[in-house]
PDB file of N, CA and C in Angstrom:
ATOM      1  N   MET A   1     -31.243  64.271  37.829  1.00  0.00           N
ATOM      2  CA  MET A   1     -30.031  64.542  37.096  1.00  0.00           C
ATOM      3  C   MET A   1     -28.921  64.225  38.145  1.00  0.00           C
ATOM      4  N   GLN A   2     -28.013  63.519  37.471  1.00  0.00           N
ATOM      5  CA  GLN A   2     -26.922  62.996  38.325  1.00  0.00           C
ATOM      6  C   GLN A   2     -25.768  64.239  38.624  1.00  0.00           C
ATOM      7  N   LYS A   3     -25.253  64.209  39.686  1.00  0.00           N
ATOM      8  CA  LYS A   3     -24.052  65.200  40.102  1.00  0.00           C
ATOM      9  C   LYS A   3     -23.005  64.806  39.375  1.00  0.00           C
ATOM     10  N   LYS A   4     -22.298  65.960  38.867  1.00  0.00           N
ATOM     11  CA  LYS A   4     -21.013  65.848  38.173  1.00  0.00           C
ATOM     12  C   LYS A   4     -19.956  65.680  39.239  1.00  0.00           C
ATOM     13  N   ILE A   5     -19.053  64.636  38.792  1.00  0.00           N
ATOM     14  CA  ILE A   5     -18.044  64.183  39.651  1.00  0.00           C
ATOM     15  C   ILE A   5     -16.762  64.892  39.299  1.00  0.00           C
ATOM     16  N   PRO A   6     -16.232  65.642  40.360  1.00  0.00           N
ATOM     17  CA  PRO A   6     -14.993  66.634  39.959  1.00  0.00           C
ATOM     18  C   PRO A   6     -13.826  65.706  39.747  1.00  0.00           C
ATOM     19  N   MET A   7     -13.068  65.828  38.587  1.00  0.00           N
ATOM     20  CA  MET A   7     -11.989  65.016  38.206  1.00  0.00           C
ATOM     21  C   MET A   7     -10.585  65.879  38.308  1.00  0.00           C
ATOM     22  N   ARG A   8      -9.595  65.071  38.735  1.00  0.00           N
ATOM     23  CA  ARG A   8      -8.178  65.990  38.972  1.00  0.00           C
ATOM     24  C   ARG A   8      -7.234  64.994  38.235  1.00  0.00           C
ATOM     25  N   GLN A   9      -5.989  65.518  37.879  1.00  0.00           N
ATOM     26  CA  GLN A   9      -4.941  64.797  37.303  1.00  0.00           C
ATOM     27  C   GLN A   9      -3.900  64.568  38.370  1.00  0.00           C
ATOM     28  N   CYS A  10      -3.480  63.205  38.605  1.00  0.00           N
ATOM     29  CA  CYS A  10      -2.407  62.960  39.288  1.00  0.00           C
ATOM     30  C   CYS A  10      -0.942  63.351  38.676  1.00  0.00           C
ATOM     31  N   LEU A  11      -0.275  63.890  39.637  1.00  0.00           N
ATOM     32  CA  LEU A  11       0.963  64.385  39.178  1.00  0.00           C
ATOM     33  C   LEU A  11       2.156  63.290  38.879  1.00  0.00           C
ATOM     34  N   GLY A  12       1.743  62.181  39.378  1.00  0.00           N
ATOM     35  CA  GLY A  12       2.692  60.907  39.212  1.00  0.00           C
ATOM     36  C   GLY A  12       2.388  60.266  37.903  1.00  0.00           C
ATOM     37  N   CYS A  13       1.247  59.676  37.780  1.00  0.00           N
ATOM     38  CA  CYS A  13       0.849  58.811  36.781  1.00  0.00           C
ATOM     39  C   CYS A  13       0.147  59.567  35.493  1.00  0.00           C
ATOM     40  N   ARG A  14      -0.116  60.862  35.801  1.00  0.00           N
ATOM     41  CA  ARG A  14      -0.844  61.840  34.856  1.00  0.00           C
ATOM     42  C   ARG A  14      -2.240  61.406  34.457  1.00  0.00           C
ATOM     43  N   GLU A  15      -2.759  60.501  35.166  1.00  0.00           N
ATOM     44  CA  GLU A  15      -4.211  60.045  35.024  1.00  0.00           C
ATOM     45  C   GLU A  15      -5.242  60.831  35.546  1.00  0.00           C
ATOM     46  N   MET A  16      -6.342  60.936  34.901  1.00  0.00           N
ATOM     47  CA  MET A  16      -7.416  61.781  35.425  1.00  0.00           C
ATOM     48  C   MET A  16      -8.420  60.715  36.252  1.00  0.00           C
ATOM     49  N   LYS A  17      -8.535  61.068  37.550  1.00  0.00           N
ATOM     50  CA  LYS A  17      -9.360  60.337  38.560  1.00  0.00           C
ATOM     51  C   LYS A  17     -10.181  61.318  39.337  1.00  0.00           C
ATOM     52  N   PRO A  18     -11.233  60.569  39.764  1.00  0.00           N
ATOM     53  CA  PRO A  18     -12.133  61.319  40.569  1.00  0.00           C
ATOM     54  C   PRO A  18     -11.364  62.078  41.982  1.00  0.00           C
ATOM     55  N   LYS A  19     -11.646  63.225  42.071  1.00  0.00           N
ATOM     56  CA  LYS A  19     -10.961  64.110  43.131  1.00  0.00           C
ATOM     57  C   LYS A  19     -10.902  63.317  44.496  1.00  0.00           C
ATOM     58  N   ARG A  20     -12.055  62.665  44.934  1.00  0.00           N
ATOM     59  CA  ARG A  20     -12.147  61.952  46.162  1.00  0.00           C
ATOM     60  C   ARG A  20     -11.110  60.703  46.325  1.00  0.00           C
ATOM     61  N   GLU A  21     -10.524  60.238  45.182  1.00  0.00           N
ATOM     62  CA  GLU A  21      -9.811  59.018  45.086  1.00  0.00           C
ATOM     63  C   GLU A  21      -8.306  59.541  45.387  1.00  0.00           C
ATOM     64  N   LEU A  22      -7.827  60.818  45.214  1.00  0.00           N
ATOM     65  CA  LEU A  22      -6.626  61.335  45.236  1.00  0.00           C
ATOM     66  C   LEU A  22      -6.433  61.876  46.504  1.00  0.00           C
ATOM     67  N   ILE A  23      -4.961  62.170  46.840  1.00  0.00           N
ATOM     68  CA  ILE A  23      -4.675  62.790  47.986  1.00  0.00           C
ATOM     69  C   ILE A  23      -4.142  64.106  47.486  1.00  0.00           C
ATOM     70  N   ARG A  24      -4.495  65.116  48.145  1.00  0.00           N
ATOM     71  CA  ARG A  24      -4.277  66.556  47.726  1.00  0.00           C
ATOM     72  C   ARG A  24      -2.883  67.082  48.580  1.00  0.00           C
ATOM     73  N   VAL A  25      -1.857  67.490  47.548  1.00  0.00           N
ATOM     74  CA  VAL A  25      -0.602  68.119  48.132  1.00  0.00           C
ATOM     75  C   VAL A  25      -0.959  69.546  48.225  1.00  0.00           C
ATOM     76  N   VAL A  26      -0.755  70.150  49.310  1.00  0.00           N
ATOM     77  CA  VAL A  26      -1.302  71.637  49.394  1.00  0.00           C
ATOM     78  C   VAL A  26      -0.018  72.630  49.876  1.00  0.00           C
ATOM     79  N   ARG A  27       0.047  73.785  49.241  1.00  0.00           N
ATOM     80  CA  ARG A  27       0.859  74.719  49.624  1.00  0.00           C
ATOM     81  C   ARG A  27       0.102  75.755  50.161  1.00  0.00           C
ATOM     82  N   SER A  28       0.249  76.031  51.690  1.00  0.00           N
ATOM     83  CA  SER A  28      -0.462  76.920  52.437  1.00  0.00           C
ATOM     84  C   SER A  28       0.028  78.416  52.039  1.00  0.00           C
ATOM     85  N   PRO A  29      -0.960  79.266  52.353  1.00  0.00           N
ATOM     86  CA  PRO A  29      -0.551  80.696  51.960  1.00  0.00           C
ATOM     87  C   PRO A  29       0.719  81.139  52.637  1.00  0.00           C
ATOM     88  N   GLU A  30       1.102  80.528  53.700  1.00  0.00           N
ATOM     89  CA  GLU A  30       2.393  80.820  54.432  1.00  0.00           C
ATOM     90  C   GLU A  30       3.627  80.080  53.612  1.00  0.00           C
ATOM     91  N   GLY A  31       3.215  79.198  52.621  1.00  0.00           N
ATOM     92  CA  GLY A  31       4.315  78.541  51.828  1.00  0.00           C
ATOM     93  C   GLY A  31       4.701  77.171  52.545  1.00  0.00           C
ATOM     94  N   ALA A  32       4.088  76.752  53.382  1.00  0.00           N
ATOM     95  CA  ALA A  32       4.397  75.381  53.937  1.00  0.00           C
ATOM     96  C   ALA A  32       3.613  74.273  53.093  1.00  0.00           C
ATOM     97  N   ILE A  33       4.386  73.236  52.695  1.00  0.00           N
ATOM     98  CA  ILE A  33       3.849  72.220  51.711  1.00  0.00           C
ATOM     99  C   ILE A  33       3.481  71.004  52.748  1.00  0.00           C
ATOM    100  N   SER A  34       2.450  70.457  52.467  1.00  0.00           N
ATOM    101  CA  SER A  34       1.974  69.169  53.230  1.00  0.00           C
ATOM    102  C   SER A  34       0.882  68.348  52.484  1.00  0.00           C
ATOM    103  N   LEU A  35       0.537  67.237  53.042  1.00  0.00           N
ATOM    104  CA  LEU A  35      -0.498  66.227  52.357  1.00  0.00           C
ATOM    105  C   LEU A  35      -1.661  66.683  53.105  1.00  0.00           C
ATOM    106  N   ASP A  36      -2.896  66.753  52.436  1.00  0.00           N
ATOM    107  CA  ASP A  36      -4.207  67.107  52.921  1.00  0.00           C
ATOM    108  C   ASP A  36      -5.108  65.993  52.583  1.00  0.00           C
ATOM    109  N   PHE A  37      -5.243  64.936  53.376  1.00  0.00           N
ATOM    110  CA  PHE A  37      -6.196  63.785  53.182  1.00  0.00           C
ATOM    111  C   PHE A  37      -7.552  64.058  53.133  1.00  0.00           C
ATOM    112  N   LYS A  38      -8.078  65.305  53.777  1.00  0.00           N
ATOM    113  CA  LYS A  38      -9.434  65.721  53.759  1.00  0.00           C
ATOM    114  C   LYS A  38      -9.866  66.545  52.484  1.00  0.00           C
ATOM    115  N   GLY A  39      -9.032  67.092  51.975  1.00  0.00           N
ATOM    116  CA  GLY A  39      -9.133  68.027  50.783  1.00  0.00           C
ATOM    117  C   GLY A  39      -9.814  69.485  51.193  1.00  0.00           C
ATOM    118  N   LYS A  40      -9.560  69.791  52.531  1.00  0.00           N
ATOM    119  CA  LYS A  40     -10.176  71.058  52.917  1.00  0.00           C
ATOM    120  C   LYS A  40      -9.242  72.235  53.323  1.00  0.00           C
ATOM    121  N   ALA A  41      -7.908  71.892  53.328  1.00  0.00           N
ATOM    122  CA  ALA A  41      -7.067  72.805  53.895  1.00  0.00           C
ATOM    123  C   ALA A  41      -6.979  73.820  52.690  1.00  0.00           C
ATOM    124  N   SER A  42      -6.636  75.304  53.337  1.00  0.00           N
ATOM    125  CA  SER A  42      -6.554  76.316  52.372  1.00  0.00           C
ATOM    126  C   SER A  42      -5.196  76.546  51.743  1.00  0.00           C
ATOM    127  N   GLY A  43      -5.091  76.893  50.332  1.00  0.00           N
ATOM    128  CA  GLY A  43      -4.022  77.132  49.634  1.00  0.00           C
ATOM    129  C   GLY A  43      -4.150  76.387  48.425  1.00  0.00           C
ATOM    130  N   ARG A  44      -2.957  76.349  47.799  1.00  0.00           N
ATOM    131  CA  ARG A  44      -2.884  75.923  46.323  1.00  0.00           C
ATOM    132  C   ARG A  44      -2.725  74.483  46.338  1.00  0.00           C
ATOM    133  N   GLY A  45      -3.552  73.566  45.641  1.00  0.00           N
ATOM    134  CA  GLY A  45      -3.632  72.182  45.837  1.00  0.00           C
ATOM    135  C   GLY A  45      -2.989  71.465  44.479  1.00  0.00           C
ATOM    136  N   ALA A  46      -2.424  70.366  44.657  1.00  0.00           N
ATOM    137  CA  ALA A  46      -2.028  69.668  43.457  1.00  0.00           C
ATOM    138  C   ALA A  46      -2.450  68.255  44.115  1.00  0.00           C
ATOM    139  N   TYR A  47      -2.617  67.225  43.037  1.00  0.00           N
ATOM    140  CA  TYR A  47      -3.148  65.951  43.526  1.00  0.00           C
ATOM    141  C   TYR A  47      -2.163  64.651  43.224  1.00  0.00           C
ATOM    142  N   VAL A  48      -2.205  63.717  43.857  1.00  0.00           N
ATOM    143  CA  VAL A  48      -1.374  62.645  43.651  1.00  0.00           C
ATOM    144  C   VAL A  48      -2.194  61.266  44.006  1.00  0.00           C
ATOM    145  N   CYS A  49      -2.185  60.212  43.451  1.00  0.00           N
ATOM    146  CA  CYS A  49      -2.672  58.995  43.973  1.00  0.00           C
ATOM    147  C   CYS A  49      -2.213  58.483  45.243  1.00  0.00           C
ATOM    148  N   PRO A  50      -3.041  57.908  45.942  1.00  0.00           N
ATOM    149  CA  PRO A  50      -2.595  57.353  47.146  1.00  0.00           C
ATOM    150  C   PRO A  50      -1.831  56.261  47.075  1.00  0.00           C
ATOM    151  N   ASP A  51      -0.511  56.256  46.374  1.00  0.00           N
ATOM    152  CA  ASP A  51       0.327  55.278  45.945  1.00  0.00           C
ATOM    153  C   ASP A  51       1.767  55.823  46.145  1.00  0.00           C
ATOM    154  N   MET A  52       2.655  55.130  46.858  1.00  0.00           N
ATOM    155  CA  MET A  52       3.957  55.622  46.827  1.00  0.00           C
ATOM    156  C   MET A  52       4.670  55.796  45.558  1.00  0.00           C
ATOM    157  N   ALA A  53       4.378  54.975  44.670  1.00  0.00           N
ATOM    158  CA  ALA A  53       4.934  54.932  43.264  1.00  0.00           C
ATOM    159  C   ALA A  53       4.680  56.243  42.728  1.00  0.00           C
ATOM    160  N   CYS A  54       3.343  56.494  42.703  1.00  0.00           N
ATOM    161  CA  CYS A  54       2.924  57.946  42.151  1.00  0.00           C
ATOM    162  C   CYS A  54       3.826  59.206  42.818  1.00  0.00           C
ATOM    163  N   LEU A  55       3.867  59.022  43.944  1.00  0.00           N
ATOM    164  CA  LEU A  55       4.399  60.205  44.820  1.00  0.00           C
ATOM    165  C   LEU A  55       5.877  60.210  44.506  1.00  0.00           C
ATOM    166  N   LYS A  56       6.563  59.062  44.415  1.00  0.00           N
ATOM    167  CA  LYS A  56       7.907  59.053  44.036  1.00  0.00           C
ATOM    168  C   LYS A  56       8.122  59.503  42.368  1.00  0.00           C
ATOM    169  N   ARG A  57       7.218  59.170  41.623  1.00  0.00           N
ATOM    170  CA  ARG A  57       7.509  59.581  40.243  1.00  0.00           C
ATOM    171  C   ARG A  57       7.151  61.103  40.193  1.00  0.00           C
ATOM    172  N   ALA A  58       6.250  61.725  40.988  1.00  0.00           N
ATOM    173  CA  ALA A  58       6.017  63.021  40.873  1.00  0.00           C
ATOM    174  C   ALA A  58       7.247  63.730  41.511  1.00  0.00           C
ATOM    175  N   MET A  59       7.884  63.150  42.350  1.00  0.00           N
ATOM    176  CA  MET A  59       9.150  63.823  42.988  1.00  0.00           C
ATOM    177  C   MET A  59      10.189  63.785  42.153  1.00  0.00           C
ATOM    178  N   LYS A  60      10.328  62.719  41.379  1.00  0.00           N
ATOM    179  CA  LYS A  60      11.548  62.501  40.510  1.00  0.00           C
ATOM    180  C   LYS A  60      11.381  63.538  39.164  1.00  0.00           C
ATOM    181  N   SER A  61      10.194  63.655  38.741  1.00  0.00           N
ATOM    182  CA  SER A  61       9.913  64.534  37.566  1.00  0.00           C
ATOM    183  C   SER A  61       9.860  65.972  38.043  1.00  0.00           C
ATOM    184  N   LYS A  62       9.858  66.243  39.352  1.00  0.00           N
ATOM    185  CA  LYS A  62       9.769  67.461  39.823  1.00  0.00           C
ATOM    186  C   LYS A  62       8.348  68.309  39.550  1.00  0.00           C
ATOM    187  N   ALA A  63       7.341  67.266  39.475  1.00  0.00           N
ATOM    188  CA  ALA A  63       5.956  67.755  38.862  1.00  0.00           C
ATOM    189  C   ALA A  63       5.389  68.527  40.176  1.00  0.00           C
ATOM    190  N   ILE A  64       5.712  68.330  41.395  1.00  0.00           N
ATOM    191  CA  ILE A  64       5.053  69.066  42.418  1.00  0.00           C
ATOM    192  C   ILE A  64       5.899  70.504  42.535  1.00  0.00           C
ATOM    193  N   GLU A  65       7.068  70.592  42.361  1.00  0.00           N
ATOM    194  CA  GLU A  65       7.726  72.026  42.141  1.00  0.00           C
ATOM    195  C   GLU A  65       7.199  72.750  41.056  1.00  0.00           C
ATOM    196  N   ARG A  66       6.811  72.021  39.849  1.00  0.00           N
ATOM    197  CA  ARG A  66       6.328  72.831  38.818  1.00  0.00           C
ATOM    198  C   ARG A  66       4.935  73.283  39.045  1.00  0.00           C
ATOM    199  N   ALA A  67       4.147  72.595  39.718  1.00  0.00           N
ATOM    200  CA  ALA A  67       2.886  72.888  40.233  1.00  0.00           C
ATOM    201  C   ALA A  67       2.781  74.074  41.030  1.00  0.00           C
ATOM    202  N   PHE A  68       3.656  73.992  42.034  1.00  0.00           N
ATOM    203  CA  PHE A  68       3.615  75.158  43.013  1.00  0.00           C
ATOM    204  C   PHE A  68       4.548  76.346  42.760  1.00  0.00           C
ATOM    205  N   GLU A  69       5.386  76.115  41.547  1.00  0.00           N
ATOM    206  CA  GLU A  69       6.137  77.109  40.955  1.00  0.00           C
ATOM    207  C   GLU A  69       7.230  77.543  42.088  1.00  0.00           C
ATOM    208  N   THR A  70       7.743  76.702  42.838  1.00  0.00           N
ATOM    209  CA  THR A  70       8.693  76.900  43.694  1.00  0.00           C
ATOM    210  C   THR A  70       9.558  75.640  44.078  1.00  0.00           C
ATOM    211  N   SER A  71      10.897  75.857  44.583  1.00  0.00           N
ATOM    212  CA  SER A  71      11.704  74.669  44.608  1.00  0.00           C
ATOM    213  C   SER A  71      11.299  74.170  46.228  1.00  0.00           C
ATOM    214  N   ILE A  72      11.350  72.764  46.291  1.00  0.00           N
ATOM    215  CA  ILE A  72      10.911  71.953  47.436  1.00  0.00           C
ATOM    216  C   ILE A  72      12.170  71.301  48.032  1.00  0.00           C
ATOM    217  N   PRO A  73      12.437  71.546  49.337  1.00  0.00           N
ATOM    218  CA  PRO A  73      13.645  70.923  49.939  1.00  0.00           C
ATOM    219  C   PRO A  73      13.477  69.483  50.216  1.00  0.00           C
ATOM    220  N   GLU A  74      14.557  68.653  50.354  1.00  0.00           N
ATOM    221  CA  GLU A  74      14.350  67.399  50.567  1.00  0.00           C
ATOM    222  C   GLU A  74      13.518  66.988  51.820  1.00  0.00           C
ATOM    223  N   GLU A  75      13.695  67.770  52.930  1.00  0.00           N
ATOM    224  CA  GLU A  75      13.149  67.506  54.136  1.00  0.00           C
ATOM    225  C   GLU A  75      11.425  67.393  53.904  1.00  0.00           C
ATOM    226  N   ILE A  76      10.875  68.250  53.123  1.00  0.00           N
ATOM    227  CA  ILE A  76       9.613  68.334  52.649  1.00  0.00           C
ATOM    228  C   ILE A  76       9.232  66.963  51.968  1.00  0.00           C
ATOM    229  N   TYR A  77      10.008  66.463  51.261  1.00  0.00           N
ATOM    230  CA  TYR A  77       9.815  65.289  50.405  1.00  0.00           C
ATOM    231  C   TYR A  77       9.821  64.050  51.386  1.00  0.00           C
ATOM    232  N   ALA A  78      10.646  64.228  52.428  1.00  0.00           N
ATOM    233  CA  ALA A  78      10.796  62.923  53.493  1.00  0.00           C
ATOM    234  C   ALA A  78       9.528  63.231  54.286  1.00  0.00           C
ATOM    235  N   GLN A  79       8.961  64.382  54.595  1.00  0.00           N
ATOM    236  CA  GLN A  79       7.727  64.535  55.335  1.00  0.00           C
ATOM    237  C   GLN A  79       6.626  63.938  54.538  1.00  0.00           C
ATOM    238  N   LEU A  80       6.578  64.267  53.305  1.00  0.00           N
ATOM    239  CA  LEU A  80       5.395  63.846  52.388  1.00  0.00           C
ATOM    240  C   LEU A  80       5.473  62.265  52.426  1.00  0.00           C
ATOM    241  N   THR A  81       6.639  61.794  52.235  1.00  0.00           N
ATOM    242  CA  THR A  81       6.574  60.215  52.093  1.00  0.00           C
ATOM    243  C   THR A  81       6.218  59.690  53.557  1.00  0.00           C
ATOM    244  N   GLU A  82       6.508  60.305  54.618  1.00  0.00           N
ATOM    245  CA  GLU A  82       6.032  59.731  55.877  1.00  0.00           C
ATOM    246  C   GLU A  82       4.609  59.781  56.070  1.00  0.00           C
ATOM    247  N   GLN A  83       3.967  60.960  55.610  1.00  0.00           N
ATOM    248  CA  GLN A  83       2.613  61.234  55.836  1.00  0.00           C
ATOM    249  C   GLN A  83       1.910  60.274  54.840  1.00  0.00           C
ATOM    250  N   MET A  84       2.429  59.851  53.785  1.00  0.00           N
ATOM    251  CA  MET A  84       1.776  59.068  52.776  1.00  0.00           C
ATOM    252  C   MET A  84       1.634  57.656  53.357  1.00  0.00           C
ATOM    253  N   GLU A  85       2.714  57.265  53.959  1.00  0.00           N
ATOM    254  CA  GLU A  85       2.887  55.953  54.617  1.00  0.00           C
ATOM    255  C   GLU A  85       1.891  55.860  55.746  1.00  0.00           C
ATOM    256  N   ALA A  86       1.892  56.983  56.705  1.00  0.00           N
ATOM    257  CA  ALA A  86       0.952  56.875  57.871  1.00  0.00           C
ATOM    258  C   ALA A  86      -0.491  57.060  57.248  1.00  0.00           C
ATOM    259  N   GLY A  87      -0.725  57.698  56.378  1.00  0.00           N
ATOM    260  CA  GLY A  87      -2.205  57.843  55.792  1.00  0.00           C
ATOM    261  C   GLY A  87      -2.733  56.500  55.318  1.00  0.00           C
ATOM    262  N   ASN A  88      -1.871  55.780  54.603  1.00  0.00           N
ATOM    263  CA  ASN A  88      -2.333  54.454  54.095  1.00  0.00           C
ATOM    264  C   ASN A  88      -2.591  53.390  55.019  1.00  0.00           C
ATOM    265  N   GLU A  89      -2.228  53.628  56.442  1.00  0.00           N
ATOM    266  CA  GLU A  89      -2.592  52.556  57.439  1.00  0.00           C
ATOM    267  C   GLU A  89      -3.939  52.365  57.723  1.00  0.00           C
TER     268      GLU A  89
END
């Protein structure tokens, strides 16, 4: 019997994709928000495609803020953009 592949929805394009293909945005128990490329960090997770267009779309529609039920400062979005660019190299 084949193992079931966990699927998650991208906050940007709203497509269901295998969890391993997506980057996890995580809010730690302390409230810090960061990108989790390994998918192992503790905290509430939301997923986005490894594509700047999806991250920008999620930021514009405030999908990340809705997922975490908190407002997110611009500095955090700048850090997420930097981490996404660094992670794609």
